[in-house]
């Protein structure tokens, strides 16, 4: 362990695009005791809307520049992307360079925030640090299967694994009961309750008239927005006027825009892009909807509950533990017809909406952040004290 009385913790992550994992990391950095821990974040790419949101006491190191810092010239940008790719590959093969030329110090604990960061931490040239892996994914999800062999190889190499939900842990053990698991914990994502409530009071710009469904998520196929588009169109055809607003960005945007145009719903299905502060939009909307194919413990559901929005959500991950079907929201399967039916129910059943809103009052009281941060601190302290 370091001679410094503070425990030195290094968080490794790819970049800081707006997302749940990034918010979880920022929450940890803002709330772990700075008198006990000296914290550093090492990003592969200095990229994303949240790249400058680290608290003052946290040191940020990055291995390569982000796209925000690239030339606007497309030819030069391609060259910069290629150079960046080559640089990251060089550092992957020679991790000792990261410690010597970028970090310039060693750490007591190294944390991988997702399975994509596992290799970065496990290949660290600092062999004396304790290694922690954070796992947020459903191991049996079809699109994850190509990565499963590597994940299974990495798991036993960690000193501790943290799951973001009980269901994620249960699925892992059910699928691979004979894996040599390291010590484990389940720690749900912390919710910045006061920040959410404060930021929700800021004004939005040009928000549509009611009724509005809002969703927040990265534009990826597993988020189900292609199904939401179809359900939305069907409701409009049947005369149920409403607007859908989606906050987020991602690789699926061109495909979704083409689908929106084909369906002829450009005016009523609105992509708002990323928002540094999505909470006024959630507050201004009538309903929240999450049509995802897979999730773990989705932060956006907790955020919508705190802002007391009636919620439609697919019953994936730990969503069924967060929402009570028919009491604080409607739980559905990942099917277009069920998305359609739930939206129709929200648009026509005023009694249900009033009941949901009443049951959602004081939802913030259900989340205990103090216990979450205490649990993380205890893991760090236990590992550095040489206990299991």
Protein backbone atom coordinates (compact mmCIF):
# COMPACT_ATOMS: atom_id res chain seq x y z
CA UNK A 1 0.00 0.00 0.00
CA UNK A 2 1.10 3.58 -0.64
CA UNK A 3 2.95 5.51 2.08
CA UNK A 4 0.42 8.29 1.59
CA UNK A 5 -2.14 8.08 4.44
CA UNK A 6 -4.89 8.39 1.87
CA UNK A 7 -5.82 5.34 -0.18
CA UNK A 8 -5.01 6.08 -3.82
CA UNK A 9 -7.79 4.96 -6.17
CA UNK A 10 -7.63 4.91 -9.97
CA UNK A 11 -10.85 4.69 -12.01
CA UNK A 12 -10.41 3.52 -15.62
CA UNK A 13 -13.00 4.29 -18.30
CA UNK A 14 -13.20 4.82 -22.05
CA UNK A 15 -14.76 8.30 -22.24
CA UNK A 16 -17.44 10.53 -20.76
CA UNK A 17 -20.39 10.52 -23.14
CA UNK A 18 -23.70 11.07 -21.37
CA UNK A 19 -24.73 7.74 -19.86
CA UNK A 20 -25.71 5.86 -16.72
CA UNK A 21 -22.26 4.43 -15.97
CA UNK A 22 -20.66 7.85 -16.36
CA UNK A 23 -23.19 9.33 -13.93
CA UNK A 24 -22.49 6.54 -11.45
CA UNK A 25 -18.75 7.24 -11.59
CA UNK A 26 -19.28 10.98 -11.14
CA UNK A 27 -21.54 10.26 -8.18
CA UNK A 28 -18.80 8.18 -6.56
CA UNK A 29 -16.16 10.80 -7.22
CA UNK A 30 -18.35 13.49 -5.69
CA UNK A 31 -19.27 11.54 -2.58
CA UNK A 32 -16.42 9.23 -1.53
CA UNK A 33 -14.60 10.76 1.43
CA UNK A 34 -11.69 12.89 0.11
CA UNK A 35 -10.07 12.63 3.53
CA UNK A 36 -9.75 8.88 3.04
CA UNK A 37 -9.26 8.58 -0.72
CA UNK A 38 -7.07 10.30 -3.27
CA UNK A 39 -8.90 9.73 -6.56
CA UNK A 40 -7.74 9.79 -10.18
CA UNK A 41 -9.69 9.06 -13.37
CA UNK A 42 -7.87 7.82 -16.45
CA UNK A 43 -9.87 8.12 -19.68
CA UNK A 44 -8.84 6.49 -22.93
CA UNK A 45 -10.46 9.40 -24.78
CA UNK A 46 -10.94 12.90 -23.40
CA UNK A 47 -14.37 12.84 -24.99
CA UNK A 48 -18.03 13.35 -24.15
CA UNK A 49 -20.42 15.87 -22.67
CA UNK A 50 -19.34 15.01 -19.11
CA UNK A 51 -15.57 15.20 -19.64
CA UNK A 52 -15.23 18.43 -17.62
CA UNK A 53 -17.66 17.50 -14.86
CA UNK A 54 -15.15 15.95 -12.44
CA UNK A 55 -14.99 17.47 -8.95
CA UNK A 56 -11.99 19.69 -8.16
CA UNK A 57 -10.37 17.17 -5.81
CA UNK A 58 -10.22 14.47 -8.53
CA UNK A 59 -7.26 14.31 -10.90
CA UNK A 60 -8.12 13.60 -14.54
CA UNK A 61 -5.67 11.93 -16.93
CA UNK A 62 -6.42 11.08 -20.54
CA UNK A 63 -4.49 8.99 -23.05
CA UNK A 64 -5.74 10.63 -26.26
CA UNK A 65 -7.76 13.66 -27.32
CA UNK A 66 -11.51 13.53 -27.88
CA UNK A 67 -13.37 14.28 -31.09
CA UNK A 68 -14.25 17.67 -29.66
CA UNK A 69 -10.59 18.61 -30.06
CA UNK A 70 -10.21 17.30 -33.62
CA UNK A 71 -10.01 19.35 -36.78
CA UNK A 72 -13.26 20.21 -38.56
CA UNK A 73 -11.58 19.23 -41.82
CA UNK A 74 -12.84 15.73 -42.63
CA UNK A 75 -9.56 14.53 -44.14
CA UNK A 76 -7.53 15.74 -41.18
CA UNK A 77 -10.11 14.28 -38.84
CA UNK A 78 -9.72 10.83 -40.43
CA UNK A 79 -5.96 11.07 -39.94
CA UNK A 80 -6.44 12.10 -36.31
CA UNK A 81 -8.80 9.17 -35.71
CA UNK A 82 -6.28 6.75 -37.22
CA UNK A 83 -3.45 8.20 -35.13
CA UNK A 84 -5.60 7.93 -32.03
CA UNK A 85 -6.45 4.30 -32.77
CA UNK A 86 -2.75 3.47 -33.27
CA UNK A 87 -1.78 5.26 -30.08
CA UNK A 88 -4.37 3.37 -28.01
CA UNK A 89 -3.27 0.06 -29.51
CA UNK A 90 0.35 0.86 -28.64
CA UNK A 91 -0.63 1.63 -25.05
CA UNK A 92 -2.76 -1.50 -24.83
CA UNK A 93 0.27 -3.61 -25.77
CA UNK A 94 2.60 -1.60 -23.54
CA UNK A 95 0.61 -0.67 -20.42
CA UNK A 96 3.77 0.28 -18.52
CA UNK A 97 3.93 3.43 -20.68
CA UNK A 98 0.64 4.58 -19.18
CA UNK A 99 2.03 4.42 -15.66
CA UNK A 100 5.38 6.01 -16.53
CA UNK A 101 4.32 8.75 -18.95
CA UNK A 102 0.68 9.51 -18.11
CA UNK A 103 -0.15 8.53 -14.53
CA UNK A 104 3.39 8.93 -13.17
CA UNK A 105 2.43 7.23 -9.93
CA UNK A 106 1.05 3.96 -8.62
CA UNK A 107 -2.29 3.22 -6.97
CA UNK A 108 -3.61 1.05 -4.17
CA UNK A 109 -6.86 0.27 -5.97
CA UNK A 110 -7.77 0.23 -9.68
CA UNK A 111 -11.43 0.20 -10.69
CA UNK A 112 -12.89 -0.89 -14.04
CA UNK A 113 -16.27 0.84 -14.40
CA UNK A 114 -17.64 -1.59 -17.06
CA UNK A 115 -16.63 -4.87 -18.68
CA UNK A 116 -15.14 -2.79 -21.51
CA UNK A 117 -12.63 -1.48 -18.97
CA UNK A 118 -11.72 -4.90 -17.50
CA UNK A 119 -8.71 -5.46 -19.74
CA UNK A 120 -7.37 -1.95 -19.02
CA UNK A 121 -7.28 -2.63 -15.29
CA UNK A 122 -6.18 -6.26 -15.36
CA UNK A 123 -3.30 -5.47 -17.74
CA UNK A 124 -2.06 -2.68 -15.51
CA UNK A 125 1.70 -2.75 -15.00
CA UNK A 126 1.02 -2.13 -11.30
CA UNK A 127 0.78 -5.71 -10.07
CA UNK A 128 0.41 -4.72 -6.42
CA UNK A 129 -2.85 -2.81 -6.74
CA UNK A 130 -6.18 -4.37 -5.82
CA UNK A 131 -8.42 -4.73 -8.86
CA UNK A 132 -12.19 -4.10 -8.78
CA UNK A 133 -14.58 -4.77 -11.66
CA UNK A 134 -18.03 -3.18 -11.92
CA UNK A 135 -20.58 -5.26 -13.82
CA UNK A 136 -23.83 -3.76 -15.19
CA UNK A 137 -24.86 -6.21 -17.94
CA UNK A 138 -27.21 -9.15 -18.44
CA UNK A 139 -24.76 -11.94 -19.25
CA UNK A 140 -27.29 -13.90 -21.34
CA UNK A 141 -28.13 -10.99 -23.64
CA UNK A 142 -27.66 -12.18 -27.26
CA UNK A 143 -25.62 -9.17 -28.33
CA UNK A 144 -23.16 -9.70 -25.49
CA UNK A 145 -22.36 -13.33 -26.37
CA UNK A 146 -19.36 -12.54 -28.58
CA UNK A 147 -17.69 -10.94 -25.53
CA UNK A 148 -18.69 -13.56 -22.95
CA UNK A 149 -15.55 -15.75 -23.26
CA UNK A 150 -13.34 -12.77 -22.47
CA UNK A 151 -15.61 -11.64 -19.61
CA UNK A 152 -15.45 -15.15 -18.10
CA UNK A 153 -11.67 -15.09 -18.39
CA UNK A 154 -11.48 -11.71 -16.66
CA UNK A 155 -13.88 -12.29 -13.74
CA UNK A 156 -11.65 -14.59 -11.61
CA UNK A 157 -8.69 -12.23 -12.00
CA UNK A 158 -10.34 -9.46 -9.98
CA UNK A 159 -9.98 -9.02 -6.23
CA UNK A 160 -13.61 -7.94 -6.02
CA UNK A 161 -16.62 -7.73 -8.35
CA UNK A 162 -19.42 -5.21 -7.82
CA UNK A 163 -22.79 -5.83 -9.46
CA UNK A 164 -25.21 -2.95 -9.91
CA UNK A 165 -28.22 -5.15 -9.19
CA UNK A 166 -29.21 -8.43 -7.57
CA UNK A 167 -30.70 -9.70 -10.81
CA UNK A 168 -27.44 -9.15 -12.71
CA UNK A 169 -25.57 -11.18 -10.06
CA UNK A 170 -28.19 -13.94 -10.06
CA UNK A 171 -28.12 -14.21 -13.87
CA UNK A 172 -24.33 -14.47 -13.85
CA UNK A 173 -24.28 -17.27 -11.27
CA UNK A 174 -27.17 -19.11 -12.88
CA UNK A 175 -25.48 -19.06 -16.29
CA UNK A 176 -21.96 -19.89 -15.01
CA UNK A 177 -22.25 -21.58 -11.60
CA UNK A 178 -18.79 -23.15 -11.75
CA UNK A 179 -16.83 -19.98 -12.47
CA UNK A 180 -14.15 -19.18 -9.91
CA UNK A 181 -15.78 -16.00 -8.61
CA UNK A 182 -13.83 -13.50 -6.52
CA UNK A 183 -15.50 -11.83 -3.50
CA UNK A 184 -18.63 -10.00 -4.65
CA UNK A 185 -21.05 -7.27 -3.64
CA UNK A 186 -24.30 -5.85 -4.98
CA UNK A 187 -24.37 -2.05 -4.83
CA UNK A 188 -27.16 -0.25 -6.62
CA UNK A 189 -26.50 3.03 -8.40
CA UNK A 190 -26.56 6.16 -6.28
CA UNK A 191 -29.08 8.87 -7.14
CA UNK A 192 -28.15 12.59 -6.85
CA UNK A 193 -31.58 13.44 -5.44
CA UNK A 194 -30.99 17.07 -4.43
CA UNK A 195 -29.26 17.81 -7.74
CA UNK A 196 -32.13 16.29 -9.74
CA UNK A 197 -34.74 18.32 -7.90
CA UNK A 198 -32.74 21.54 -8.16
CA UNK A 199 -31.94 21.16 -11.86
CA UNK A 200 -35.51 20.13 -12.69
CA UNK A 201 -36.64 23.67 -11.91
CA UNK A 202 -34.60 25.14 -14.78
CA UNK A 203 -36.62 26.13 -17.83
CA UNK A 204 -36.87 24.12 -21.05
CA UNK A 205 -36.98 25.63 -24.52
CA UNK A 206 -39.80 25.05 -27.04
CA UNK A 207 -41.23 22.02 -25.28
CA UNK A 208 -44.27 20.45 -27.06
CA UNK A 209 -47.79 20.78 -25.74
CA UNK A 210 -49.30 17.89 -23.75
CA UNK A 211 -49.63 14.97 -23.82
CA UNK A 212 -45.90 14.19 -24.04
CA UNK A 213 -44.04 10.93 -23.46
CA UNK A 214 -40.35 11.43 -22.73
CA UNK A 215 -37.51 8.94 -22.80
CA UNK A 216 -33.83 9.27 -21.97
CA UNK A 217 -31.23 6.87 -23.32
CA UNK A 218 -28.41 6.24 -25.71
CA UNK A 219 -29.64 5.70 -29.28
CA UNK A 220 -28.77 2.02 -29.58
CA UNK A 221 -30.84 -0.85 -30.98
CA UNK A 222 -31.33 -2.43 -27.55
CA UNK A 223 -33.04 0.73 -26.28
CA UNK A 224 -36.13 -0.13 -28.34
CA UNK A 225 -36.77 3.23 -29.99
CA UNK A 226 -37.48 1.55 -33.32
CA UNK A 227 -40.40 -0.24 -31.63
CA UNK A 228 -41.52 2.95 -29.90
CA UNK A 229 -41.70 4.67 -33.30
CA UNK A 230 -44.06 2.00 -34.64
CA UNK A 231 -46.29 2.13 -31.54
CA UNK A 232 -46.38 5.94 -31.78
CA UNK A 233 -47.44 5.87 -35.42
CA UNK A 234 -50.21 3.35 -34.73
CA UNK A 235 -51.64 5.52 -31.94
CA UNK A 236 -51.63 8.57 -34.22
CA UNK A 237 -53.44 6.60 -36.94
CA UNK A 238 -56.13 5.73 -34.40
CA UNK A 239 -56.52 9.39 -33.43
CA UNK A 240 -54.63 9.48 -30.13
CA UNK A 241 -52.72 12.74 -30.38
CA UNK A 242 -49.45 12.92 -28.44
CA UNK A 243 -45.76 13.67 -28.83
CA UNK A 244 -42.73 11.51 -28.03
CA UNK A 245 -39.46 13.23 -27.09
CA UNK A 246 -36.19 11.32 -26.80
CA UNK A 247 -33.15 12.76 -25.05
CA UNK A 248 -29.90 11.10 -26.11
CA UNK A 249 -27.56 10.47 -28.99
CA UNK A 250 -25.82 7.48 -30.51
CA UNK A 251 -24.95 5.39 -33.52
CA UNK A 252 -28.57 4.44 -34.23
CA UNK A 253 -29.69 8.03 -34.91
CA UNK A 254 -29.41 7.89 -38.75
CA UNK A 255 -31.44 4.66 -38.86
CA UNK A 256 -34.08 6.07 -36.52
CA UNK A 257 -34.32 9.30 -38.50
CA UNK A 258 -34.88 7.29 -41.69
CA UNK A 259 -37.57 5.21 -39.97
CA UNK A 260 -39.23 8.35 -38.62
CA UNK A 261 -39.35 9.84 -42.12
CA UNK A 262 -40.74 6.64 -43.62
CA UNK A 263 -43.51 6.58 -41.00
CA UNK A 264 -44.24 10.26 -41.55
CA UNK A 265 -43.98 11.25 -37.87
CA UNK A 266 -41.18 13.86 -38.09
CA UNK A 267 -43.21 16.48 -36.21
CA UNK A 268 -44.50 14.27 -33.40
CA UNK A 269 -41.47 12.08 -32.63
CA UNK A 270 -38.72 14.46 -31.56
CA UNK A 271 -35.04 13.68 -31.03
CA UNK A 272 -33.75 16.34 -28.67
CA UNK A 273 -30.12 15.17 -28.64
CA UNK A 274 -28.04 15.01 -25.49
CA UNK A 275 -28.89 17.41 -22.70
CA UNK A 276 -26.48 18.25 -19.90
CA UNK A 277 -29.60 18.77 -17.81
CA UNK A 278 -32.45 16.44 -18.89
CA UNK A 279 -34.47 16.92 -15.70
CA UNK A 280 -36.60 19.96 -16.72
CA UNK A 281 -37.71 17.98 -19.77
CA UNK A 282 -38.69 14.98 -17.65
CA UNK A 283 -40.52 17.29 -15.24
CA UNK A 284 -42.34 19.10 -18.07
CA UNK A 285 -43.46 15.87 -19.77
CA UNK A 286 -46.63 14.04 -18.83
CA UNK A 287 -45.21 10.51 -18.89
CA UNK A 288 -41.87 8.69 -18.94
CA UNK A 289 -41.27 5.64 -21.14
CA UNK A 290 -38.35 3.21 -21.29
CA UNK A 291 -38.81 0.56 -24.05
CA UNK A 292 -35.43 -1.15 -23.60
CA UNK A 293 -34.60 -4.71 -24.59
CA UNK A 294 -32.17 -4.98 -21.68
CA UNK A 295 -31.10 -2.93 -18.67
CA UNK A 296 -29.57 -3.60 -15.27
CA UNK A 297 -30.58 -1.05 -12.64
CA UNK A 298 -31.54 1.88 -14.88
CA UNK A 299 -30.78 5.23 -13.31
CA UNK A 300 -33.35 6.95 -15.54
CA UNK A 301 -36.19 5.04 -13.88
CA UNK A 302 -35.12 6.28 -10.46
CA UNK A 303 -34.80 9.82 -11.84
CA UNK A 304 -38.31 9.69 -13.31
CA UNK A 305 -39.68 8.33 -10.02
CA UNK A 306 -38.06 11.15 -8.05
CA UNK A 307 -39.72 13.63 -10.43
CA UNK A 308 -43.01 11.74 -9.90
CA UNK A 309 -43.67 10.89 -13.55
CA UNK A 310 -46.01 7.98 -14.41
CA UNK A 311 -43.72 5.39 -16.02
CA UNK A 312 -44.01 2.74 -18.71
CA UNK A 313 -41.01 0.41 -18.70
CA UNK A 314 -40.02 -2.99 -19.97
CA UNK A 315 -39.66 -5.51 -17.16
CA UNK A 316 -35.93 -6.10 -17.58
CA UNK A 317 -33.04 -6.12 -15.12
CA UNK A 318 -34.14 -4.80 -11.73
CA UNK A 319 -36.93 -2.60 -13.12
CA UNK A 320 -39.52 -4.90 -11.54
CA UNK A 321 -37.92 -4.24 -8.15
CA UNK A 322 -37.98 -0.48 -8.71
CA UNK A 323 -41.54 -0.16 -10.04
CA UNK A 324 -44.72 -1.77 -8.79
CA UNK A 325 -46.87 -2.69 -11.76
CA UNK A 326 -50.15 -0.78 -11.67
CA UNK A 327 -49.07 1.23 -8.61
CA UNK A 328 -46.08 3.38 -9.66
CA UNK A 329 -45.98 2.46 -13.35
CA UNK A 330 -46.80 -0.14 -15.97
CA UNK A 331 -44.40 -3.02 -16.59
CA UNK A 332 -44.44 -4.46 -20.10
CA UNK A 333 -42.58 -6.95 -22.25
CA UNK A 334 -40.26 -5.90 -25.07
CA UNK A 335 -42.98 -6.05 -27.70
CA UNK A 336 -44.33 -3.30 -29.94
CA UNK A 337 -47.92 -4.25 -29.21
CA UNK A 338 -47.34 -3.96 -25.45
CA UNK A 339 -45.64 -0.57 -25.82
CA UNK A 340 -48.66 0.55 -27.87
CA UNK A 341 -51.18 -0.80 -25.36
CA UNK A 342 -49.49 0.81 -22.36
CA UNK A 343 -49.22 4.19 -24.10
CA UNK A 344 -52.89 3.99 -25.06
CA UNK A 345 -53.77 3.22 -21.43
CA UNK A 346 -51.87 6.30 -20.26
CA UNK A 347 -53.60 8.46 -22.87
CA UNK A 348 -57.11 7.27 -22.02
CA UNK A 349 -57.21 6.20 -18.36
CA UNK A 350 -57.19 9.38 -16.29
CA UNK A 351 -58.06 7.47 -13.10
CA UNK A 352 -54.93 5.30 -13.49
CA UNK A 353 -52.70 8.34 -14.04
CA UNK A 354 -54.03 10.08 -10.93
CA UNK A 355 -53.44 6.92 -8.90
CA UNK A 356 -49.87 6.53 -10.20
CA UNK A 357 -49.05 10.16 -9.42
CA UNK A 358 -50.38 9.78 -5.89
CA UNK A 359 -48.32 6.64 -5.31
CA UNK A 360 -45.18 8.30 -6.71
CA UNK A 361 -45.23 11.09 -4.15
CA UNK A 362 -42.13 11.13 -1.92
CA UNK A 363 -40.38 8.54 -4.11
CA UNK A 364 -37.05 10.18 -3.24
CA UNK A 365 -37.37 8.74 0.29
CA UNK A 366 -36.87 5.22 -1.12
CA UNK A 367 -33.26 5.83 -2.14
CA UNK A 368 -30.54 5.79 0.53
CA UNK A 369 -27.34 7.18 -0.97
CA UNK A 370 -25.43 7.24 2.31
CA UNK A 371 -25.52 3.43 2.55
CA UNK A 372 -24.35 3.10 -1.06
CA UNK A 373 -21.25 5.25 -0.61
CA UNK A 374 -20.50 3.64 2.74
CA UNK A 375 -20.60 0.19 1.11
CA UNK A 376 -18.13 1.25 -1.61
CA UNK A 377 -15.80 2.83 0.95
CA UNK A 378 -15.89 -0.34 3.05
CA UNK A 379 -14.86 -2.46 0.05
CA UNK A 380 -11.92 -0.15 -0.65
CA UNK A 381 -10.84 -0.14 3.01
CA UNK A 382 -11.19 -3.91 3.35
CA UNK A 383 -9.11 -4.60 0.23
CA UNK A 384 -6.30 -2.30 1.25
CA UNK A 385 -6.27 -3.78 4.76
CA UNK A 386 -5.62 -7.20 3.23
CA UNK A 387 -8.98 -8.77 4.12
CA UNK A 388 -11.52 -10.63 1.96
